[in-house]
Amino acid sequence: MSHDLSPRVALIVPTYNERENLPRLVERIPAAPAADLLFVDDSSRDGTAEWVRELATRRPGVHLLERPRKMGLGTAYVAGFRWALDRGYDLVFEMDADLSHDPSEIPNFARKAEEGADLVVGSRYVDGIRIINWPLRRLILSRFASAYTRFWTGLPLTDPTSGFKCFRREALAALDLGRIRSNGYAFQIEVSYYLWRKGFRLAEVPIVFTDRHQGVSKMNPRIVREAALLVPMLRWR
């Protein structure tokens, strides 16, 4: 008798007005490892949810979690994490909807997790800078955020604000999701920091990050302030 030992994989993709990017995103998701896809949509006004519902009628494993208003990145991922944990997935990915994260990298993350990493982070900076089409000010801000995070927390990641991640179920289940307070890009730092302090194994894989071609970036000064205030607080929690 044969037994399928392949991990159950879930990809969590928060969306807010990303309708133009989703067809290309879905086309580029690799066949292996086989993955289910959860879109967490914050009441997009551009038909994102309608497109996902139609896709789900044609493609098995596509799911939609609709929320009543724009509630932010962090809470979208927390909702997605709870959804994946409730359904027993072994590997849970988070990635952007705007094609800045290349889905073809997913097998590399899965291999690193199979080798024993509990959290795999896609790094734009390990072994050099791999960013396409970013303005210089955005690159400087990102590099400063990485150095600032390492200074305050000691978190051993070259790219702690990266939003392309893979969690083993055991690590994700160990997070106190109700404790997470950040909702912007600081969410990425907070989650990685808690897992590191709990003794889980962190690993990085190099990725190429390409700035979005369609839609509008969600970065704003409030998100930057949130991260600047959160990072020193993590050290004392």
Protein backbone atom coordinates (compact mmCIF):
# COMPACT_ATOMS: atom_id res chain seq x y z
CA MET A 1 0.00 0.00 0.00
CA SER A 2 1.36 3.47 -0.86
CA HIS A 3 1.11 6.38 1.52
CA ASP A 4 1.31 10.03 0.45
CA LEU A 5 3.83 11.68 2.77
CA SER A 6 3.77 15.03 0.99
CA PRO A 7 3.11 17.97 3.33
CA ARG A 8 -0.19 19.79 3.14
CA VAL A 9 0.64 23.32 2.04
CA ALA A 10 -1.39 26.53 2.34
CA LEU A 11 -0.51 29.85 0.70
CA ILE A 12 -2.05 32.86 2.46
CA VAL A 13 -2.38 35.99 0.31
CA PRO A 14 -3.94 39.17 1.77
CA THR A 15 -5.66 41.31 -0.85
CA TYR A 16 -6.99 44.82 -1.12
CA ASN A 17 -7.71 45.98 -4.67
CA GLU A 18 -5.34 43.48 -6.30
CA ARG A 19 -7.64 42.19 -9.05
CA GLU A 20 -5.20 43.11 -11.84
CA ASN A 21 -2.36 41.08 -10.31
CA LEU A 22 -4.16 37.88 -9.32
CA PRO A 23 -4.40 36.08 -12.70
CA ARG A 24 -0.62 36.23 -13.21
CA LEU A 25 0.02 35.30 -9.59
CA VAL A 26 -2.10 32.17 -9.81
CA GLU A 27 -0.55 31.15 -13.13
CA ARG A 28 2.93 31.25 -11.60
CA ILE A 29 2.23 29.08 -8.56
CA PRO A 30 4.19 25.83 -9.09
CA ALA A 31 2.49 22.45 -9.24
CA ALA A 32 4.82 21.00 -6.60
CA PRO A 33 4.45 21.12 -3.74
CA ALA A 34 0.71 21.03 -4.26
CA ALA A 35 -0.77 23.95 -2.36
CA ASP A 36 -4.15 25.32 -1.42
CA LEU A 37 -4.59 29.05 -1.78
CA LEU A 38 -6.38 31.33 0.70
CA PHE A 39 -7.11 34.92 -0.26
CA VAL A 40 -7.93 37.16 2.70
CA ASP A 41 -9.76 40.11 1.18
CA ASP A 42 -10.52 43.37 2.98
CA SER A 43 -13.63 44.36 1.01
CA SER A 44 -11.78 45.32 -2.17
CA ARG A 45 -13.66 47.72 -4.43
CA ASP A 46 -12.11 46.48 -7.67
CA GLY A 47 -13.78 43.06 -7.93
CA THR A 48 -11.01 41.05 -6.25
CA ALA A 49 -13.39 38.89 -4.19
CA GLU A 50 -15.66 38.25 -7.17
CA TRP A 51 -12.69 37.11 -9.24
CA VAL A 52 -11.53 34.72 -6.49
CA ARG A 53 -15.03 33.24 -6.12
CA GLU A 54 -15.18 32.59 -9.85
CA LEU A 55 -11.71 31.03 -9.80
CA ALA A 56 -12.76 28.71 -6.98
CA THR A 57 -15.44 27.20 -9.23
CA ARG A 58 -12.74 26.16 -11.72
CA ARG A 59 -9.73 25.42 -9.55
CA PRO A 60 -9.83 23.10 -6.51
CA GLY A 61 -8.10 24.32 -3.38
CA VAL A 62 -8.88 28.02 -3.82
CA HIS A 63 -10.53 29.66 -0.82
CA LEU A 64 -11.71 33.15 0.08
CA LEU A 65 -11.96 34.78 3.50
CA GLU A 66 -13.85 38.06 3.19
CA ARG A 67 -13.59 40.75 5.84
CA PRO A 68 -16.01 43.65 6.31
CA ARG A 69 -13.53 46.52 5.80
CA LYS A 70 -9.86 47.37 5.37
CA MET A 71 -8.38 45.93 8.56
CA GLY A 72 -4.66 45.70 7.78
CA LEU A 73 -1.94 43.24 6.87
CA GLY A 74 -1.22 41.84 10.31
CA THR A 75 -4.79 40.95 11.17
CA ALA A 76 -5.22 39.44 7.70
CA TYR A 77 -2.33 37.08 8.32
CA VAL A 78 -3.54 36.22 11.82
CA ALA A 79 -6.94 35.32 10.36
CA GLY A 80 -5.22 33.24 7.69
CA PHE A 81 -3.00 31.50 10.24
CA ARG A 82 -6.01 30.51 12.32
CA TRP A 83 -7.75 29.22 9.21
CA ALA A 84 -4.73 27.09 8.24
CA LEU A 85 -4.17 25.73 11.75
CA ASP A 86 -7.84 24.74 12.04
CA ARG A 87 -7.50 22.73 8.82
CA GLY A 88 -4.28 20.92 9.70
CA TYR A 89 -1.84 22.25 7.10
CA ASP A 90 1.82 21.26 7.59
CA LEU A 91 3.46 24.23 5.84
CA VAL A 92 1.89 27.69 5.80
CA PHE A 93 3.22 30.39 3.49
CA GLU A 94 2.60 34.10 3.50
CA MET A 95 3.23 36.14 0.38
CA ASP A 96 2.19 39.37 -1.32
CA ALA A 97 -0.46 39.52 -4.02
CA ASP A 98 1.34 42.08 -6.17
CA LEU A 99 3.93 39.71 -7.74
CA SER A 100 6.81 41.25 -5.79
CA HIS A 101 7.27 37.73 -4.42
CA ASP A 102 7.92 35.15 -7.12
CA PRO A 103 5.80 32.02 -6.52
CA SER A 104 8.38 29.90 -8.34
CA GLU A 105 10.54 30.20 -5.20
CA ILE A 106 8.03 28.19 -3.13
CA PRO A 107 9.80 24.81 -3.63
CA ASN A 108 13.04 26.33 -2.25
CA PHE A 109 11.23 27.34 0.94
CA ALA A 110 9.64 23.91 1.26
CA ARG A 111 13.00 22.17 0.89
CA LYS A 112 14.53 24.33 3.61
CA ALA A 113 11.61 23.49 5.92
CA GLU A 114 12.03 19.79 5.16
CA GLU A 115 15.69 20.15 6.16
CA GLY A 116 14.59 21.27 9.62
CA ALA A 117 13.90 25.01 9.57
CA ASP A 118 10.78 26.01 11.50
CA LEU A 119 10.52 29.42 9.84
CA VAL A 120 11.95 30.11 6.40
CA VAL A 121 12.30 33.78 5.42
CA GLY A 122 12.84 34.97 1.86
CA SER A 123 15.69 37.49 2.07
CA ARG A 124 16.34 40.32 -0.36
CA TYR A 125 19.76 40.90 1.20
CA VAL A 126 21.46 37.59 1.95
CA ASP A 127 24.59 37.37 -0.24
CA GLY A 128 23.91 40.75 -1.84
CA ILE A 129 20.96 42.99 -2.72
CA ARG A 130 18.28 41.47 -4.98
CA ILE A 131 15.69 44.19 -5.56
CA ILE A 132 14.30 45.38 -8.89
CA ASN A 133 12.62 48.74 -9.58
CA TRP A 134 12.69 50.17 -6.05
CA PRO A 135 13.39 53.90 -5.61
CA LEU A 136 16.57 54.60 -3.66
CA ARG A 137 14.70 56.07 -0.67
CA ARG A 138 12.71 52.85 -0.27
CA LEU A 139 15.88 50.75 -0.36
CA ILE A 140 17.57 52.99 2.23
CA LEU A 141 14.51 52.76 4.49
CA SER A 142 14.44 48.97 4.22
CA ARG A 143 18.16 48.60 4.92
CA PHE A 144 17.90 50.94 7.89
CA ALA A 145 14.92 48.98 9.25
CA SER A 146 16.94 45.76 9.06
CA ALA A 147 19.91 47.25 10.92
CA TYR A 148 17.62 48.94 13.46
CA THR A 149 15.84 45.66 14.16
CA ARG A 150 19.04 43.70 14.62
CA PHE A 151 20.47 46.39 16.92
CA TRP A 152 17.48 46.37 19.27
CA THR A 153 16.50 42.71 19.20
CA GLY A 154 19.47 40.66 18.01
CA LEU A 155 17.17 38.88 15.58
CA PRO A 156 19.56 36.91 13.29
CA LEU A 157 17.95 37.78 9.95
CA THR A 158 19.36 39.90 7.13
CA ASP A 159 15.81 40.85 6.06
CA PRO A 160 13.52 40.90 9.12
CA THR A 161 10.78 42.89 7.35
CA SER A 162 10.40 40.36 4.54
CA GLY A 163 6.82 39.28 3.92
CA PHE A 164 7.66 36.08 2.04
CA LYS A 165 7.72 33.34 4.66
CA CYS A 166 7.06 29.65 5.27
CA PHE A 167 6.08 28.32 8.71
CA ARG A 168 6.11 24.75 9.86
CA ARG A 169 2.85 23.96 11.60
CA GLU A 170 4.55 23.36 14.95
CA ALA A 171 6.04 26.84 14.95
CA LEU A 172 2.85 28.56 13.87
CA ALA A 173 0.85 26.72 16.54
CA ALA A 174 3.31 27.92 19.19
CA LEU A 175 2.57 31.58 18.46
CA ASP A 176 0.18 33.36 20.79
CA LEU A 177 -1.72 35.00 17.94
CA GLY A 178 -3.81 37.04 20.35
CA ARG A 179 -0.64 38.68 21.65
CA ILE A 180 0.44 40.13 18.32
CA ARG A 181 -0.14 43.89 18.27
CA SER A 182 1.42 45.15 15.05
CA ASN A 183 -0.59 45.42 11.86
CA GLY A 184 1.77 46.79 9.21
CA TYR A 185 5.19 45.58 8.13
CA ALA A 186 6.24 45.47 11.79
CA PHE A 187 4.11 42.34 11.95
CA GLN A 188 6.85 40.48 10.09
CA ILE A 189 9.43 41.47 12.69
CA GLU A 190 7.19 40.64 15.63
CA VAL A 191 6.31 37.12 14.44
CA SER A 192 9.91 36.19 13.62
CA TYR A 193 11.14 37.59 16.91
CA TYR A 194 8.68 35.58 19.02
CA LEU A 195 9.57 32.33 17.25
CA TRP A 196 13.30 33.00 17.61
CA ARG A 197 12.95 33.72 21.33
CA LYS A 198 10.97 30.50 21.73
CA GLY A 199 13.92 28.56 20.30
CA PHE A 200 12.55 27.71 16.87
CA ARG A 201 15.01 27.38 14.00
CA LEU A 202 15.08 30.29 11.54
CA ALA A 203 16.58 30.09 8.06
CA GLU A 204 16.78 32.42 5.07
CA VAL A 205 16.66 31.72 1.36
CA PRO A 206 17.66 34.32 -1.24
CA ILE A 207 14.83 35.81 -3.28
CA VAL A 208 14.55 38.44 -6.00
CA PHE A 209 12.08 41.15 -5.02
CA THR A 210 10.41 43.05 -7.87
CA ASP A 211 8.38 46.15 -7.12
CA ARG A 212 4.74 45.97 -8.14
CA HIS A 213 3.69 46.74 -11.72
CA GLN A 214 -0.03 47.18 -11.02
CA GLY A 215 -1.95 48.78 -8.19
CA VAL A 216 -0.83 51.02 -5.34
CA SER A 217 1.68 50.29 -2.59
CA LYS A 218 0.23 50.08 0.94
CA MET A 219 3.35 51.61 2.54
CA ASN A 220 2.67 54.86 4.44
CA PRO A 221 4.21 56.92 7.29
CA ARG A 222 1.93 55.32 9.90
CA ILE A 223 3.34 51.89 9.07
CA VAL A 224 6.90 53.21 9.42
CA ARG A 225 6.11 54.78 12.82
CA GLU A 226 4.54 51.56 14.04
CA ALA A 227 7.69 49.60 13.25
CA ALA A 228 9.98 52.22 14.78
CA LEU A 229 8.06 52.10 18.07
CA LEU A 230 7.50 48.35 18.17
CA VAL A 231 11.09 47.17 17.76
CA PRO A 232 12.50 48.61 21.02
CA MET A 233 9.41 47.40 22.88
CA LEU A 234 10.02 43.81 21.75
CA ARG A 235 13.30 43.75 23.64
CA TRP A 236 11.57 44.46 26.93
CA ARG A 237 8.48 42.32 26.58
